[in-house]
Amino acid sequence: MNEQHLIEMANRIGEFFESMPDRDEALAGIAEHIRSFWEPRMRRVLLNALDEASASTMREIVREALLLRRAELEPRATAFVTSL
């Protein structure tokens, strides 16, 4: 999974929502779109990028949305049950 490609995709989402007059609504929209349409693996890579230098290539609105909504964007751990 290419981190820079995911950042570019997130930036395009951010560009769309940035034009909204209500910033809080835009931030929520970015996070909701990523949560709803990105698979857990993609979200994990994007959130890891947020903690690294590559976050500097993210639009400000994308960084803000990810930071504010990080908990709901974190993929949940899945438990595997094995039968005997």
PDB file of N, CA and C in Angstrom:
ATOM      1  N   MET A   1       0.852  -1.165   0.000  1.00  0.00           N
ATOM      2  CA  MET A   1       0.000   0.000   0.000  1.00  0.00           C
ATOM      3  C   MET A   1       0.903   1.235   0.000  1.00  0.00           C
ATOM      4  N   ASN A   2       0.766   2.057  -1.000  1.00  0.00           N
ATOM      5  CA  ASN A   2       1.618   3.226  -1.159  1.00  0.00           C
ATOM      6  C   ASN A   2       1.104   4.394  -0.313  1.00  0.00           C
ATOM      7  N   GLU A   3       1.877   4.740   0.690  1.00  0.00           N
ATOM      8  CA  GLU A   3       1.501   5.803   1.620  1.00  0.00           C
ATOM      9  C   GLU A   3       1.238   7.128   0.908  1.00  0.00           C
ATOM     10  N   GLN A   4       2.123   7.499   0.007  1.00  0.00           N
ATOM     11  CA  GLN A   4       1.966   8.789  -0.683  1.00  0.00           C
ATOM     12  C   GLN A   4       0.698   8.809  -1.533  1.00  0.00           C
ATOM     13  N   HIS A   5       0.367   7.696  -2.146  1.00  0.00           N
ATOM     14  CA  HIS A   5      -0.864   7.616  -2.938  1.00  0.00           C
ATOM     15  C   HIS A   5      -2.093   7.814  -2.040  1.00  0.00           C
ATOM     16  N   LEU A   6      -2.076   7.202  -0.855  1.00  0.00           N
ATOM     17  CA  LEU A   6      -3.192   7.365   0.071  1.00  0.00           C
ATOM     18  C   LEU A   6      -3.305   8.812   0.546  1.00  0.00           C
ATOM     19  N   ILE A   7      -2.174   9.457   0.771  1.00  0.00           N
ATOM     20  CA  ILE A   7      -2.186  10.869   1.164  1.00  0.00           C
ATOM     21  C   ILE A   7      -2.788  11.709   0.043  1.00  0.00           C
ATOM     22  N   GLU A   8      -2.413  11.420  -1.184  1.00  0.00           N
ATOM     23  CA  GLU A   8      -2.973  12.157  -2.329  1.00  0.00           C
ATOM     24  C   GLU A   8      -4.480  11.951  -2.423  1.00  0.00           C
ATOM     25  N   MET A   9      -4.939  10.724  -2.194  1.00  0.00           N
ATOM     26  CA  MET A   9      -6.373  10.450  -2.215  1.00  0.00           C
ATOM     27  C   MET A   9      -7.083  11.227  -1.104  1.00  0.00           C
ATOM     28  N   ALA A  10      -6.505  11.215   0.090  1.00  0.00           N
ATOM     29  CA  ALA A  10      -7.091  11.952   1.218  1.00  0.00           C
ATOM     30  C   ALA A  10      -7.112  13.451   0.928  1.00  0.00           C
ATOM     31  N   ASN A  11      -6.070  13.946   0.276  1.00  0.00           N
ATOM     32  CA  ASN A  11      -6.022  15.368  -0.080  1.00  0.00           C
ATOM     33  C   ASN A  11      -7.131  15.734  -1.063  1.00  0.00           C
ATOM     34  N   ARG A  12      -7.438  14.841  -1.988  1.00  0.00           N
ATOM     35  CA  ARG A  12      -8.540  15.102  -2.926  1.00  0.00           C
ATOM     36  C   ARG A  12      -9.884  15.143  -2.190  1.00  0.00           C
ATOM     37  N   ILE A  13     -10.043  14.261  -1.219  1.00  0.00           N
ATOM     38  CA  ILE A  13     -11.253  14.283  -0.397  1.00  0.00           C
ATOM     39  C   ILE A  13     -11.308  15.604   0.367  1.00  0.00           C
ATOM     40  N   GLY A  14     -10.184  15.982   0.953  1.00  0.00           N
ATOM     41  CA  GLY A  14     -10.110  17.242   1.687  1.00  0.00           C
ATOM     42  C   GLY A  14     -10.401  18.444   0.818  1.00  0.00           C
ATOM     43  N   GLU A  15      -9.913  18.407  -0.424  1.00  0.00           N
ATOM     44  CA  GLU A  15     -10.155  19.513  -1.356  1.00  0.00           C
ATOM     45  C   GLU A  15     -11.651  19.682  -1.611  1.00  0.00           C
ATOM     46  N   PHE A  16     -12.347  18.570  -1.749  1.00  0.00           N
ATOM     47  CA  PHE A  16     -13.796  18.624  -1.964  1.00  0.00           C
ATOM     48  C   PHE A  16     -14.501  19.254  -0.764  1.00  0.00           C
ATOM     49  N   PHE A  17     -14.191  18.754   0.437  1.00  0.00           N
ATOM     50  CA  PHE A  17     -14.883  19.215   1.631  1.00  0.00           C
ATOM     51  C   PHE A  17     -14.435  20.612   2.081  1.00  0.00           C
ATOM     52  N   GLU A  18     -13.272  21.035   1.667  1.00  0.00           N
ATOM     53  CA  GLU A  18     -12.735  22.342   2.069  1.00  0.00           C
ATOM     54  C   GLU A  18     -13.619  23.501   1.596  1.00  0.00           C
ATOM     55  N   SER A  19     -14.355  23.278   0.535  1.00  0.00           N
ATOM     56  CA  SER A  19     -15.194  24.349  -0.011  1.00  0.00           C
ATOM     57  C   SER A  19     -16.481  24.561   0.800  1.00  0.00           C
ATOM     58  N   MET A  20     -16.742  23.687   1.759  1.00  0.00           N
ATOM     59  CA  MET A  20     -17.946  23.827   2.576  1.00  0.00           C
ATOM     60  C   MET A  20     -17.807  25.033   3.500  1.00  0.00           C
ATOM     61  N   PRO A  21     -18.869  25.786   3.680  1.00  0.00           N
ATOM     62  CA  PRO A  21     -18.781  26.973   4.533  1.00  0.00           C
ATOM     63  C   PRO A  21     -18.623  26.644   6.025  1.00  0.00           C
ATOM     64  N   ASP A  22     -19.121  25.498   6.460  1.00  0.00           N
ATOM     65  CA  ASP A  22     -19.031  25.100   7.864  1.00  0.00           C
ATOM     66  C   ASP A  22     -17.829  24.165   8.043  1.00  0.00           C
ATOM     67  N   ARG A  23     -16.773  24.678   8.684  1.00  0.00           N
ATOM     68  CA  ARG A  23     -15.533  23.905   8.817  1.00  0.00           C
ATOM     69  C   ARG A  23     -15.750  22.618   9.629  1.00  0.00           C
ATOM     70  N   ASP A  24     -16.533  22.701  10.692  1.00  0.00           N
ATOM     71  CA  ASP A  24     -16.776  21.495  11.499  1.00  0.00           C
ATOM     72  C   ASP A  24     -17.470  20.413  10.673  1.00  0.00           C
ATOM     73  N   GLU A  25     -18.403  20.828   9.845  1.00  0.00           N
ATOM     74  CA  GLU A  25     -19.102  19.886   8.970  1.00  0.00           C
ATOM     75  C   GLU A  25     -18.126  19.287   7.948  1.00  0.00           C
ATOM     76  N   ALA A  26     -17.214  20.101   7.455  1.00  0.00           N
ATOM     77  CA  ALA A  26     -16.218  19.627   6.496  1.00  0.00           C
ATOM     78  C   ALA A  26     -15.289  18.601   7.147  1.00  0.00           C
ATOM     79  N   LEU A  27     -14.831  18.890   8.354  1.00  0.00           N
ATOM     80  CA  LEU A  27     -13.941  17.960   9.067  1.00  0.00           C
ATOM     81  C   LEU A  27     -14.646  16.630   9.316  1.00  0.00           C
ATOM     82  N   ALA A  28     -15.890  16.709   9.736  1.00  0.00           N
ATOM     83  CA  ALA A  28     -16.671  15.491   9.968  1.00  0.00           C
ATOM     84  C   ALA A  28     -16.871  14.722   8.663  1.00  0.00           C
ATOM     85  N   GLY A  29     -17.107  15.433   7.578  1.00  0.00           N
ATOM     86  CA  GLY A  29     -17.308  14.799   6.274  1.00  0.00           C
ATOM     87  C   GLY A  29     -16.082  14.053   5.790  1.00  0.00           C
ATOM     88  N   ILE A  30     -14.924  14.654   5.986  1.00  0.00           N
ATOM     89  CA  ILE A  30     -13.670  13.998   5.583  1.00  0.00           C
ATOM     90  C   ILE A  30     -13.496  12.702   6.358  1.00  0.00           C
ATOM     91  N   ALA A  31     -13.626  12.786   7.670  1.00  0.00           N
ATOM     92  CA  ALA A  31     -13.440  11.607   8.512  1.00  0.00           C
ATOM     93  C   ALA A  31     -14.470  10.529   8.196  1.00  0.00           C
ATOM     94  N   GLU A  32     -15.715  10.935   8.013  1.00  0.00           N
ATOM     95  CA  GLU A  32     -16.778   9.971   7.729  1.00  0.00           C
ATOM     96  C   GLU A  32     -16.549   9.274   6.385  1.00  0.00           C
ATOM     97  N   HIS A  33     -16.117  10.033   5.388  1.00  0.00           N
ATOM     98  CA  HIS A  33     -15.848   9.440   4.083  1.00  0.00           C
ATOM     99  C   HIS A  33     -14.739   8.386   4.198  1.00  0.00           C
ATOM    100  N   ILE A  34     -13.662   8.742   4.863  1.00  0.00           N
ATOM    101  CA  ILE A  34     -12.539   7.809   5.009  1.00  0.00           C
ATOM    102  C   ILE A  34     -12.965   6.593   5.827  1.00  0.00           C
ATOM    103  N   ARG A  35     -13.708   6.801   6.899  1.00  0.00           N
ATOM    104  CA  ARG A  35     -14.164   5.679   7.728  1.00  0.00           C
ATOM    105  C   ARG A  35     -15.094   4.748   6.959  1.00  0.00           C
ATOM    106  N   SER A  36     -15.963   5.332   6.156  1.00  0.00           N
ATOM    107  CA  SER A  36     -16.972   4.541   5.451  1.00  0.00           C
ATOM    108  C   SER A  36     -16.443   3.805   4.220  1.00  0.00           C
ATOM    109  N   PHE A  37     -15.514   4.424   3.511  1.00  0.00           N
ATOM    110  CA  PHE A  37     -15.126   3.887   2.204  1.00  0.00           C
ATOM    111  C   PHE A  37     -13.713   3.322   2.117  1.00  0.00           C
ATOM    112  N   TRP A  38     -12.901   3.553   3.117  1.00  0.00           N
ATOM    113  CA  TRP A  38     -11.537   3.028   3.091  1.00  0.00           C
ATOM    114  C   TRP A  38     -11.465   1.778   3.946  1.00  0.00           C
ATOM    115  N   GLU A  39     -10.783   0.786   3.441  1.00  0.00           N
ATOM    116  CA  GLU A  39     -10.626  -0.436   4.216  1.00  0.00           C
ATOM    117  C   GLU A  39      -9.674  -0.176   5.389  1.00  0.00           C
ATOM    118  N   PRO A  40      -9.748  -0.996   6.436  1.00  0.00           N
ATOM    119  CA  PRO A  40      -8.929  -0.770   7.632  1.00  0.00           C
ATOM    120  C   PRO A  40      -7.436  -0.630   7.349  1.00  0.00           C
ATOM    121  N   ARG A  41      -6.937  -1.430   6.451  1.00  0.00           N
ATOM    122  CA  ARG A  41      -5.519  -1.374   6.106  1.00  0.00           C
ATOM    123  C   ARG A  41      -5.125   0.008   5.573  1.00  0.00           C
ATOM    124  N   MET A  42      -5.967   0.582   4.730  1.00  0.00           N
ATOM    125  CA  MET A  42      -5.693   1.907   4.154  1.00  0.00           C
ATOM    126  C   MET A  42      -5.716   2.969   5.252  1.00  0.00           C
ATOM    127  N   ARG A  43      -6.696   2.880   6.144  1.00  0.00           N
ATOM    128  CA  ARG A  43      -6.782   3.850   7.243  1.00  0.00           C
ATOM    129  C   ARG A  43      -5.579   3.737   8.158  1.00  0.00           C
ATOM    130  N   ARG A  44      -5.133   2.523   8.425  1.00  0.00           N
ATOM    131  CA  ARG A  44      -3.964   2.307   9.288  1.00  0.00           C
ATOM    132  C   ARG A  44      -2.729   2.973   8.695  1.00  0.00           C
ATOM    133  N   VAL A  45      -2.505   2.793   7.404  1.00  0.00           N
ATOM    134  CA  VAL A  45      -1.343   3.399   6.738  1.00  0.00           C
ATOM    135  C   VAL A  45      -1.450   4.927   6.789  1.00  0.00           C
ATOM    136  N   LEU A  46      -2.633   5.460   6.520  1.00  0.00           N
ATOM    137  CA  LEU A  46      -2.823   6.915   6.538  1.00  0.00           C
ATOM    138  C   LEU A  46      -2.596   7.474   7.938  1.00  0.00           C
ATOM    139  N   LEU A  47      -3.112   6.821   8.953  1.00  0.00           N
ATOM    140  CA  LEU A  47      -2.926   7.293  10.323  1.00  0.00           C
ATOM    141  C   LEU A  47      -1.476   7.185  10.761  1.00  0.00           C
ATOM    142  N   ASN A  48      -0.775   6.166  10.313  1.00  0.00           N
ATOM    143  CA  ASN A  48       0.659   6.068  10.605  1.00  0.00           C
ATOM    144  C   ASN A  48       1.419   7.201   9.940  1.00  0.00           C
ATOM    145  N   ALA A  49       1.013   7.570   8.737  1.00  0.00           N
ATOM    146  CA  ALA A  49       1.664   8.677   8.021  1.00  0.00           C
ATOM    147  C   ALA A  49       1.461   9.991   8.764  1.00  0.00           C
ATOM    148  N   LEU A  50       0.351  10.109   9.458  1.00  0.00           N
ATOM    149  CA  LEU A  50       0.048  11.321  10.216  1.00  0.00           C
ATOM    150  C   LEU A  50       1.116  11.576  11.278  1.00  0.00           C
ATOM    151  N   ASP A  51       1.711  10.523  11.786  1.00  0.00           N
ATOM    152  CA  ASP A  51       2.728  10.628  12.834  1.00  0.00           C
ATOM    153  C   ASP A  51       4.142  10.786  12.287  1.00  0.00           C
ATOM    154  N   GLU A  52       4.288  10.782  10.982  1.00  0.00           N
ATOM    155  CA  GLU A  52       5.610  10.845  10.366  1.00  0.00           C
ATOM    156  C   GLU A  52       5.782  12.134   9.571  1.00  0.00           C
ATOM    157  N   ALA A  53       6.964  12.315   9.039  1.00  0.00           N
ATOM    158  CA  ALA A  53       7.268  13.514   8.257  1.00  0.00           C
ATOM    159  C   ALA A  53       6.393  13.628   7.019  1.00  0.00           C
ATOM    160  N   SER A  54       5.908  12.510   6.505  1.00  0.00           N
ATOM    161  CA  SER A  54       5.083  12.544   5.300  1.00  0.00           C
ATOM    162  C   SER A  54       3.769  13.284   5.529  1.00  0.00           C
ATOM    163  N   ALA A  55       3.413  13.524   6.786  1.00  0.00           N
ATOM    164  CA  ALA A  55       2.189  14.281   7.079  1.00  0.00           C
ATOM    165  C   ALA A  55       2.283  15.704   6.544  1.00  0.00           C
ATOM    166  N   SER A  56       3.487  16.166   6.291  1.00  0.00           N
ATOM    167  CA  SER A  56       3.661  17.528   5.769  1.00  0.00           C
ATOM    168  C   SER A  56       3.084  17.670   4.364  1.00  0.00           C
ATOM    169  N   THR A  57       2.845  16.564   3.680  1.00  0.00           N
ATOM    170  CA  THR A  57       2.262  16.632   2.340  1.00  0.00           C
ATOM    171  C   THR A  57       0.732  16.567   2.388  1.00  0.00           C
ATOM    172  N   MET A  58       0.174  16.426   3.583  1.00  0.00           N
ATOM    173  CA  MET A  58      -1.283  16.410   3.734  1.00  0.00           C
ATOM    174  C   MET A  58      -1.802  17.837   3.806  1.00  0.00           C
ATOM    175  N   ARG A  59      -2.968  18.039   3.221  1.00  0.00           N
ATOM    176  CA  ARG A  59      -3.646  19.334   3.371  1.00  0.00           C
ATOM    177  C   ARG A  59      -3.929  19.547   4.859  1.00  0.00           C
ATOM    178  N   GLU A  60      -3.915  20.789   5.261  1.00  0.00           N
ATOM    179  CA  GLU A  60      -4.166  21.116   6.662  1.00  0.00           C
ATOM    180  C   GLU A  60      -5.507  20.566   7.135  1.00  0.00           C
ATOM    181  N   ILE A  61      -6.524  20.694   6.310  1.00  0.00           N
ATOM    182  CA  ILE A  61      -7.866  20.241   6.702  1.00  0.00           C
ATOM    183  C   ILE A  61      -7.915  18.724   6.873  1.00  0.00           C
ATOM    184  N   VAL A  62      -7.128  17.999   6.100  1.00  0.00           N
ATOM    185  CA  VAL A  62      -7.074  16.539   6.226  1.00  0.00           C
ATOM    186  C   VAL A  62      -6.378  16.176   7.535  1.00  0.00           C
ATOM    187  N   ARG A  63      -5.234  16.808   7.811  1.00  0.00           N
ATOM    188  CA  ARG A  63      -4.525  16.551   9.077  1.00  0.00           C
ATOM    189  C   ARG A  63      -5.445  16.823  10.271  1.00  0.00           C
ATOM    190  N   GLU A  64      -6.141  17.953  10.218  1.00  0.00           N
ATOM    191  CA  GLU A  64      -7.025  18.324  11.322  1.00  0.00           C
ATOM    192  C   GLU A  64      -8.146  17.295  11.499  1.00  0.00           C
ATOM    193  N   ALA A  65      -8.753  16.880  10.408  1.00  0.00           N
ATOM    194  CA  ALA A  65      -9.833  15.887  10.481  1.00  0.00           C
ATOM    195  C   ALA A  65      -9.325  14.570  11.056  1.00  0.00           C
ATOM    196  N   LEU A  66      -8.152  14.137  10.618  1.00  0.00           N
ATOM    197  CA  LEU A  66      -7.599  12.878  11.110  1.00  0.00           C
ATOM    198  C   LEU A  66      -7.252  12.964  12.591  1.00  0.00           C
ATOM    199  N   LEU A  67      -6.700  14.093  13.003  1.00  0.00           N
ATOM    200  CA  LEU A  67      -6.348  14.262  14.415  1.00  0.00           C
ATOM    201  C   LEU A  67      -7.592  14.316  15.301  1.00  0.00           C
ATOM    202  N   LEU A  68      -8.608  15.047  14.857  1.00  0.00           N
ATOM    203  CA  LEU A  68      -9.828  15.188  15.652  1.00  0.00           C
ATOM    204  C   LEU A  68     -10.619  13.888  15.740  1.00  0.00           C
ATOM    205  N   ARG A  69     -10.596  13.107  14.691  1.00  0.00           N
ATOM    206  CA  ARG A  69     -11.438  11.898  14.613  1.00  0.00           C
ATOM    207  C   ARG A  69     -10.629  10.608  14.617  1.00  0.00           C
ATOM    208  N   ARG A  70      -9.399  10.691  15.057  1.00  0.00           N
ATOM    209  CA  ARG A  70      -8.505   9.534  15.000  1.00  0.00           C
ATOM    210  C   ARG A  70      -9.107   8.290  15.652  1.00  0.00           C
ATOM    211  N   ALA A  71      -9.700   8.447  16.808  1.00  0.00           N
ATOM    212  CA  ALA A  71     -10.227   7.285  17.536  1.00  0.00           C
ATOM    213  C   ALA A  71     -11.269   6.526  16.716  1.00  0.00           C
ATOM    214  N   GLU A  72     -12.125   7.245  16.012  1.00  0.00           N
ATOM    215  CA  GLU A  72     -13.153   6.547  15.232  1.00  0.00           C
ATOM    216  C   GLU A  72     -12.624   6.024  13.897  1.00  0.00           C
ATOM    217  N   LEU A  73     -11.453   6.490  13.490  1.00  0.00           N
ATOM    218  CA  LEU A  73     -10.852   6.017  12.240  1.00  0.00           C
ATOM    219  C   LEU A  73      -9.937   4.815  12.450  1.00  0.00           C
ATOM    220  N   GLU A  74      -9.473   4.619  13.693  1.00  0.00           N
ATOM    221  CA  GLU A  74      -8.586   3.492  13.987  1.00  0.00           C
ATOM    222  C   GLU A  74      -9.324   2.189  13.710  1.00  0.00           C
ATOM    223  N   PRO A  75      -8.712   1.314  12.920  1.00  0.00           N
ATOM    224  CA  PRO A  75      -9.353   0.011  12.676  1.00  0.00           C
ATOM    225  C   PRO A  75      -9.424  -0.783  13.977  1.00  0.00           C
ATOM    226  N   ARG A  76     -10.514  -1.458  14.158  1.00  0.00           N
ATOM    227  CA  ARG A  76     -10.681  -2.287  15.340  1.00  0.00           C
ATOM    228  C   ARG A  76      -9.928  -3.589  15.158  1.00  0.00           C
ATOM    229  N   ALA A  77      -9.383  -4.053  16.256  1.00  0.00           N
ATOM    230  CA  ALA A  77      -8.713  -5.341  16.220  1.00  0.00           C
ATOM    231  C   ALA A  77      -9.760  -6.434  16.060  1.00  0.00           C
ATOM    232  N   THR A  78      -9.425  -7.421  15.290  1.00  0.00           N
ATOM    233  CA  THR A  78     -10.355  -8.533  15.100  1.00  0.00           C
ATOM    234  C   THR A  78      -9.820  -9.741  15.866  1.00  0.00           C
ATOM    235  N   ALA A  79     -10.699 -10.393  16.502  1.00  0.00           N
ATOM    236  CA  ALA A  79     -10.330 -11.591  17.253  1.00  0.00           C
ATOM    237  C   ALA A  79     -10.602 -12.820  16.389  1.00  0.00           C
ATOM    238  N   PHE A  80      -9.670 -13.700  16.349  1.00  0.00           N
ATOM    239  CA  PHE A  80      -9.845 -14.940  15.601  1.00  0.00           C
ATOM    240  C   PHE A  80     -10.155 -16.047  16.594  1.00  0.00           C
ATOM    241  N   VAL A  81     -11.199 -16.765  16.299  1.00  0.00           N
ATOM    242  CA  VAL A  81     -11.588 -17.888  17.162  1.00  0.00           C
ATOM    243  C   VAL A  81     -11.307 -19.163  16.381  1.00  0.00           C
ATOM    244  N   THR A  82     -10.603 -20.037  17.012  1.00  0.00           N
ATOM    245  CA  THR A  82     -10.329 -21.315  16.351  1.00  0.00           C
ATOM    246  C   THR A  82     -11.094 -22.406  17.084  1.00  0.00           C
ATOM    247  N   SER A  83     -11.580 -23.297  16.337  1.00  0.00           N
ATOM    248  CA  SER A  83     -12.295 -24.425  16.956  1.00  0.00           C
ATOM    249  C   SER A  83     -11.355 -25.619  17.029  1.00  0.00           C
ATOM    250  N   LEU A  84     -11.583 -26.414  18.013  1.00  0.00           N
ATOM    251  CA  LEU A  84     -10.731 -27.597  18.204  1.00  0.00           C
ATOM    252  C   LEU A  84     -11.279 -28.772  17.479  1.00  0.00           C
TER     253      LEU A  84
END
